[in-house]
Amino acid sequence: MDGIVITAAVILAAVALIEVVTLFLARPDPAAPPYIELLPVFGEDRQFPRRIEYLGKRCGGRTSLIIVDISANEQQLELCRRLAEESPDTVIVTMAELEGALREIFLLRNG
């Protein structure tokens, strides 16, 4: 029985060491493009409050969220503004501003 416990402990320690090395020493390729999530907002979207709540739970850090106001109503825009206040990687743009926002994100991150 002791042999099984020791073997399991050694395997667990090896996996933990690999995770630590990967987490702290592995650097992403600087040429890799940034991850961007794009959320178009239509006034007719009845599921929008659920969509924005879902994104709010998992936003931030590794991706940028661009919310595109296509035909949003005032309630939807208020939900978007709240999310943008809580997440610094979230921007709200119109269709006319979308190209500029994408250009800014790609140029800033890829130098």
N, C-alpha and C. Protein backbone atom coordinates (compact mmCIF):
# COMPACT_ATOMS: atom_id res chain seq x y z
N MET A 1 0.82 -1.20 0.00
CA MET A 1 0.00 0.00 0.00
C MET A 1 0.86 1.25 0.00
N ASP A 2 1.98 1.22 0.75
CA ASP A 2 2.87 2.38 0.80
C ASP A 2 3.47 2.67 -0.56
N GLY A 3 3.73 1.64 -1.34
CA GLY A 3 4.30 1.83 -2.68
C GLY A 3 3.34 2.59 -3.59
N ILE A 4 2.06 2.31 -3.48
CA ILE A 4 1.06 3.00 -4.30
C ILE A 4 0.98 4.47 -3.90
N VAL A 5 1.01 4.75 -2.62
CA VAL A 5 0.94 6.13 -2.15
C VAL A 5 2.18 6.91 -2.59
N ILE A 6 3.35 6.29 -2.48
CA ILE A 6 4.59 6.95 -2.90
C ILE A 6 4.58 7.20 -4.40
N THR A 7 4.13 6.23 -5.17
CA THR A 7 4.06 6.40 -6.63
C THR A 7 3.11 7.53 -6.99
N ALA A 8 1.95 7.56 -6.36
CA ALA A 8 0.98 8.62 -6.63
C ALA A 8 1.55 9.99 -6.25
N ALA A 9 2.27 10.08 -5.13
CA ALA A 9 2.87 11.34 -4.71
C ALA A 9 3.94 11.80 -5.70
N VAL A 10 4.73 10.89 -6.21
CA VAL A 10 5.77 11.24 -7.18
C VAL A 10 5.14 11.74 -8.48
N ILE A 11 4.09 11.06 -8.93
CA ILE A 11 3.40 11.49 -10.16
C ILE A 11 2.76 12.86 -9.95
N LEU A 12 2.12 13.08 -8.83
CA LEU A 12 1.51 14.37 -8.53
C LEU A 12 2.56 15.48 -8.48
N ALA A 13 3.70 15.20 -7.87
CA ALA A 13 4.77 16.20 -7.79
C ALA A 13 5.32 16.52 -9.18
N ALA A 14 5.45 15.51 -10.04
CA ALA A 14 5.94 15.74 -11.40
C ALA A 14 4.96 16.60 -12.19
N VAL A 15 3.68 16.31 -12.07
CA VAL A 15 2.66 17.11 -12.78
C VAL A 15 2.67 18.55 -12.27
N ALA A 16 2.76 18.74 -10.97
CA ALA A 16 2.80 20.09 -10.39
C ALA A 16 4.03 20.85 -10.87
N LEU A 17 5.17 20.18 -10.95
CA LEU A 17 6.40 20.82 -11.43
C LEU A 17 6.26 21.25 -12.89
N ILE A 18 5.68 20.40 -13.70
CA ILE A 18 5.46 20.73 -15.12
C ILE A 18 4.53 21.94 -15.24
N GLU A 19 3.47 21.99 -14.45
CA GLU A 19 2.55 23.11 -14.50
C GLU A 19 3.22 24.42 -14.08
N VAL A 20 4.03 24.37 -13.04
CA VAL A 20 4.72 25.58 -12.57
C VAL A 20 5.71 26.07 -13.62
N VAL A 21 6.46 25.17 -14.20
CA VAL A 21 7.42 25.56 -15.24
C VAL A 21 6.69 26.15 -16.43
N THR A 22 5.61 25.53 -16.84
CA THR A 22 4.84 26.03 -17.98
C THR A 22 4.23 27.39 -17.67
N LEU A 23 3.70 27.56 -16.49
CA LEU A 23 3.04 28.81 -16.12
C LEU A 23 4.01 29.98 -16.06
N PHE A 24 5.18 29.78 -15.46
CA PHE A 24 6.08 30.90 -15.23
C PHE A 24 7.17 31.06 -16.28
N LEU A 25 7.54 30.02 -16.96
CA LEU A 25 8.66 30.12 -17.88
C LEU A 25 8.26 30.15 -19.35
N ALA A 26 7.12 29.61 -19.69
CA ALA A 26 6.70 29.60 -21.09
C ALA A 26 6.20 30.99 -21.46
N ARG A 27 6.80 31.57 -22.45
CA ARG A 27 6.41 32.90 -22.92
C ARG A 27 5.67 32.76 -24.24
N PRO A 28 4.60 33.50 -24.43
CA PRO A 28 3.89 33.44 -25.70
C PRO A 28 4.72 34.06 -26.81
N ASP A 29 4.51 33.59 -28.00
CA ASP A 29 5.20 34.12 -29.17
C ASP A 29 4.73 35.55 -29.40
N PRO A 30 5.64 36.53 -29.47
CA PRO A 30 5.20 37.91 -29.66
C PRO A 30 4.52 38.16 -31.01
N ALA A 31 4.74 37.28 -31.97
CA ALA A 31 4.10 37.44 -33.27
C ALA A 31 2.67 36.90 -33.28
N ALA A 32 2.27 36.20 -32.23
CA ALA A 32 0.92 35.65 -32.18
C ALA A 32 -0.09 36.78 -32.05
N PRO A 33 -1.18 36.73 -32.81
CA PRO A 33 -2.17 37.80 -32.72
C PRO A 33 -2.93 37.74 -31.40
N PRO A 34 -3.42 38.89 -30.94
CA PRO A 34 -4.21 38.89 -29.70
C PRO A 34 -5.57 38.24 -29.92
N TYR A 35 -6.13 37.74 -28.84
CA TYR A 35 -7.47 37.18 -28.90
C TYR A 35 -8.47 38.31 -28.69
N ILE A 36 -9.48 38.34 -29.54
CA ILE A 36 -10.49 39.39 -29.45
C ILE A 36 -11.86 38.73 -29.54
N GLU A 37 -12.76 39.12 -28.66
CA GLU A 37 -14.15 38.69 -28.75
C GLU A 37 -14.95 39.88 -29.26
N LEU A 38 -15.85 39.61 -30.18
CA LEU A 38 -16.66 40.65 -30.78
C LEU A 38 -18.12 40.33 -30.50
N LEU A 39 -18.83 41.29 -29.92
CA LEU A 39 -20.24 41.10 -29.60
C LEU A 39 -21.07 42.16 -30.31
N PRO A 40 -21.77 41.78 -31.39
CA PRO A 40 -22.66 42.75 -32.02
C PRO A 40 -23.94 42.87 -31.20
N VAL A 41 -24.45 44.08 -31.06
CA VAL A 41 -25.65 44.32 -30.25
C VAL A 41 -26.77 44.80 -31.17
N PHE A 42 -27.82 43.98 -31.26
CA PHE A 42 -29.00 44.31 -32.05
C PHE A 42 -30.15 44.56 -31.09
N GLY A 43 -30.95 45.54 -31.35
CA GLY A 43 -32.08 45.88 -30.50
C GLY A 43 -33.10 44.77 -30.37
N GLU A 44 -33.20 43.90 -31.37
CA GLU A 44 -34.19 42.82 -31.36
C GLU A 44 -33.72 41.58 -30.58
N ASP A 45 -32.50 41.58 -30.09
CA ASP A 45 -31.93 40.41 -29.41
C ASP A 45 -32.53 40.25 -28.02
N ARG A 46 -33.43 39.30 -27.87
CA ARG A 46 -34.10 39.08 -26.58
C ARG A 46 -33.19 38.35 -25.59
N GLN A 47 -32.15 37.69 -26.07
CA GLN A 47 -31.23 36.95 -25.21
C GLN A 47 -30.05 37.81 -24.75
N PHE A 48 -30.03 39.07 -25.13
CA PHE A 48 -28.87 39.91 -24.84
C PHE A 48 -28.51 40.00 -23.35
N PRO A 49 -29.46 40.20 -22.43
CA PRO A 49 -29.07 40.25 -21.01
C PRO A 49 -28.34 38.98 -20.55
N ARG A 50 -28.75 37.82 -21.05
CA ARG A 50 -28.07 36.57 -20.68
C ARG A 50 -26.69 36.51 -21.32
N ARG A 51 -26.57 36.98 -22.56
CA ARG A 51 -25.26 36.96 -23.23
C ARG A 51 -24.26 37.87 -22.50
N ILE A 52 -24.70 39.05 -22.14
CA ILE A 52 -23.79 39.99 -21.50
C ILE A 52 -23.42 39.51 -20.09
N GLU A 53 -24.34 38.86 -19.42
CA GLU A 53 -24.04 38.29 -18.10
C GLU A 53 -23.01 37.18 -18.22
N TYR A 54 -23.16 36.34 -19.22
CA TYR A 54 -22.19 35.26 -19.46
C TYR A 54 -20.80 35.84 -19.74
N LEU A 55 -20.74 36.84 -20.59
CA LEU A 55 -19.45 37.45 -20.91
C LEU A 55 -18.85 38.14 -19.69
N GLY A 56 -19.68 38.74 -18.87
CA GLY A 56 -19.19 39.40 -17.67
C GLY A 56 -18.54 38.45 -16.69
N LYS A 57 -19.00 37.22 -16.67
CA LYS A 57 -18.43 36.23 -15.76
C LYS A 57 -17.05 35.77 -16.21
N ARG A 58 -16.80 35.80 -17.50
CA ARG A 58 -15.54 35.24 -17.98
C ARG A 58 -14.64 36.24 -18.69
N CYS A 59 -14.94 37.50 -18.56
CA CYS A 59 -14.20 38.55 -19.26
C CYS A 59 -12.91 38.90 -18.52
N GLY A 60 -12.02 39.50 -19.27
CA GLY A 60 -10.82 40.06 -18.67
C GLY A 60 -9.60 39.17 -18.79
N GLY A 61 -8.45 39.81 -18.87
CA GLY A 61 -7.22 39.07 -18.87
C GLY A 61 -6.69 38.71 -20.23
N ARG A 62 -7.12 37.59 -20.76
CA ARG A 62 -6.52 37.08 -21.97
C ARG A 62 -7.15 37.60 -23.24
N THR A 63 -8.33 38.13 -23.17
CA THR A 63 -9.00 38.59 -24.39
C THR A 63 -9.51 40.00 -24.23
N SER A 64 -9.66 40.65 -25.36
CA SER A 64 -10.31 41.95 -25.38
C SER A 64 -11.72 41.73 -25.90
N LEU A 65 -12.66 42.45 -25.36
CA LEU A 65 -14.04 42.36 -25.80
C LEU A 65 -14.42 43.67 -26.47
N ILE A 66 -14.85 43.57 -27.72
CA ILE A 66 -15.35 44.74 -28.44
C ILE A 66 -16.85 44.57 -28.60
N ILE A 67 -17.60 45.50 -28.05
CA ILE A 67 -19.05 45.50 -28.17
C ILE A 67 -19.41 46.49 -29.28
N VAL A 68 -20.07 45.99 -30.32
CA VAL A 68 -20.40 46.82 -31.47
C VAL A 68 -21.88 47.18 -31.41
N ASP A 69 -22.14 48.46 -31.26
CA ASP A 69 -23.51 48.97 -31.21
C ASP A 69 -24.03 49.09 -32.64
N ILE A 70 -24.86 48.13 -33.04
CA ILE A 70 -25.43 48.16 -34.38
C ILE A 70 -26.81 48.82 -34.33
N SER A 71 -27.66 48.33 -33.45
CA SER A 71 -28.99 48.93 -33.27
C SER A 71 -29.46 48.74 -31.83
N ALA A 72 -28.55 48.98 -30.88
CA ALA A 72 -28.84 48.72 -29.48
C ALA A 72 -29.86 49.71 -28.93
N ASN A 73 -30.70 49.20 -28.01
CA ASN A 73 -31.61 50.10 -27.31
C ASN A 73 -30.93 50.60 -26.03
N GLU A 74 -31.58 51.50 -25.32
CA GLU A 74 -30.96 52.14 -24.16
C GLU A 74 -30.66 51.14 -23.04
N GLN A 75 -31.53 50.16 -22.82
CA GLN A 75 -31.31 49.16 -21.78
C GLN A 75 -30.06 48.33 -22.11
N GLN A 76 -29.91 47.94 -23.36
CA GLN A 76 -28.74 47.17 -23.76
C GLN A 76 -27.46 47.99 -23.61
N LEU A 77 -27.52 49.26 -23.99
CA LEU A 77 -26.34 50.11 -23.85
C LEU A 77 -25.94 50.28 -22.39
N GLU A 78 -26.92 50.36 -21.50
CA GLU A 78 -26.61 50.48 -20.07
C GLU A 78 -25.91 49.22 -19.56
N LEU A 79 -26.38 48.05 -19.99
CA LEU A 79 -25.71 46.80 -19.60
C LEU A 79 -24.28 46.77 -20.14
N CYS A 80 -24.10 47.24 -21.36
CA CYS A 80 -22.76 47.28 -21.96
C CYS A 80 -21.85 48.23 -21.19
N ARG A 81 -22.37 49.38 -20.81
CA ARG A 81 -21.56 50.35 -20.05
C ARG A 81 -21.13 49.78 -18.70
N ARG A 82 -22.02 49.07 -18.05
CA ARG A 82 -21.67 48.45 -16.76
C ARG A 82 -20.55 47.44 -16.93
N LEU A 83 -20.66 46.63 -17.98
CA LEU A 83 -19.61 45.64 -18.23
C LEU A 83 -18.28 46.33 -18.55
N ALA A 84 -18.32 47.39 -19.33
CA ALA A 84 -17.10 48.11 -19.69
C ALA A 84 -16.45 48.75 -18.47
N GLU A 85 -17.24 49.18 -17.50
CA GLU A 85 -16.69 49.75 -16.27
C GLU A 85 -15.98 48.69 -15.44
N GLU A 86 -16.50 47.47 -15.44
CA GLU A 86 -15.93 46.39 -14.64
C GLU A 86 -14.74 45.73 -15.30
N SER A 87 -14.66 45.78 -16.61
CA SER A 87 -13.61 45.10 -17.35
C SER A 87 -12.83 46.11 -18.19
N PRO A 88 -11.57 46.33 -17.87
CA PRO A 88 -10.79 47.34 -18.60
C PRO A 88 -10.50 46.95 -20.05
N ASP A 89 -10.66 45.68 -20.40
CA ASP A 89 -10.40 45.22 -21.77
C ASP A 89 -11.63 45.29 -22.66
N THR A 90 -12.69 45.91 -22.18
CA THR A 90 -13.94 46.00 -22.95
C THR A 90 -14.12 47.41 -23.48
N VAL A 91 -14.42 47.49 -24.79
CA VAL A 91 -14.71 48.78 -25.40
C VAL A 91 -16.04 48.69 -26.13
N ILE A 92 -16.75 49.81 -26.18
CA ILE A 92 -18.02 49.89 -26.89
C ILE A 92 -17.81 50.83 -28.08
N VAL A 93 -18.09 50.32 -29.28
CA VAL A 93 -17.90 51.11 -30.49
C VAL A 93 -19.12 51.00 -31.39
N THR A 94 -19.21 51.90 -32.34
CA THR A 94 -20.24 51.80 -33.37
C THR A 94 -19.64 51.06 -34.56
N MET A 95 -20.47 50.73 -35.55
CA MET A 95 -19.96 50.06 -36.74
C MET A 95 -18.90 50.91 -37.43
N ALA A 96 -19.09 52.22 -37.44
CA ALA A 96 -18.13 53.10 -38.10
C ALA A 96 -16.78 53.12 -37.38
N GLU A 97 -16.78 52.90 -36.06
CA GLU A 97 -15.55 52.93 -35.27
C GLU A 97 -14.86 51.57 -35.15
N LEU A 98 -15.49 50.51 -35.64
CA LEU A 98 -14.97 49.16 -35.46
C LEU A 98 -13.58 48.98 -36.06
N GLU A 99 -13.39 49.44 -37.27
CA GLU A 99 -12.09 49.26 -37.92
C GLU A 99 -10.98 49.93 -37.11
N GLY A 100 -11.22 51.13 -36.63
CA GLY A 100 -10.22 51.82 -35.83
C GLY A 100 -9.91 51.09 -34.53
N ALA A 101 -10.93 50.53 -33.90
CA ALA A 101 -10.71 49.80 -32.64
C ALA A 101 -9.88 48.55 -32.88
N LEU A 102 -10.18 47.82 -33.96
CA LEU A 102 -9.39 46.63 -34.28
C LEU A 102 -7.95 47.00 -34.60
N ARG A 103 -7.77 48.05 -35.37
CA ARG A 103 -6.43 48.50 -35.73
C ARG A 103 -5.64 48.87 -34.47
N GLU A 104 -6.27 49.58 -33.56
CA GLU A 104 -5.59 49.99 -32.33
C GLU A 104 -5.16 48.79 -31.50
N ILE A 105 -6.05 47.81 -31.36
CA ILE A 105 -5.71 46.62 -30.55
C ILE A 105 -4.56 45.86 -31.18
N PHE A 106 -4.61 45.64 -32.48
CA PHE A 106 -3.54 44.86 -33.12
C PHE A 106 -2.22 45.63 -33.17
N LEU A 107 -2.26 46.93 -33.39
CA LEU A 107 -1.02 47.68 -33.45
C LEU A 107 -0.38 47.86 -32.07
N LEU A 108 -1.20 48.08 -31.05
CA LEU A 108 -0.65 48.25 -29.69
C LEU A 108 -0.02 46.97 -29.17
N ARG A 109 -0.63 45.85 -29.44
CA ARG A 109 -0.13 44.59 -28.89
C ARG A 109 1.00 43.99 -29.69
N ASN A 110 1.03 44.27 -30.97
CA ASN A 110 2.06 43.66 -31.80
C ASN A 110 3.15 44.65 -32.19
N GLY A 111 3.06 45.85 -31.68
CA GLY A 111 4.10 46.85 -31.87
C GLY A 111 4.29 47.21 -33.29
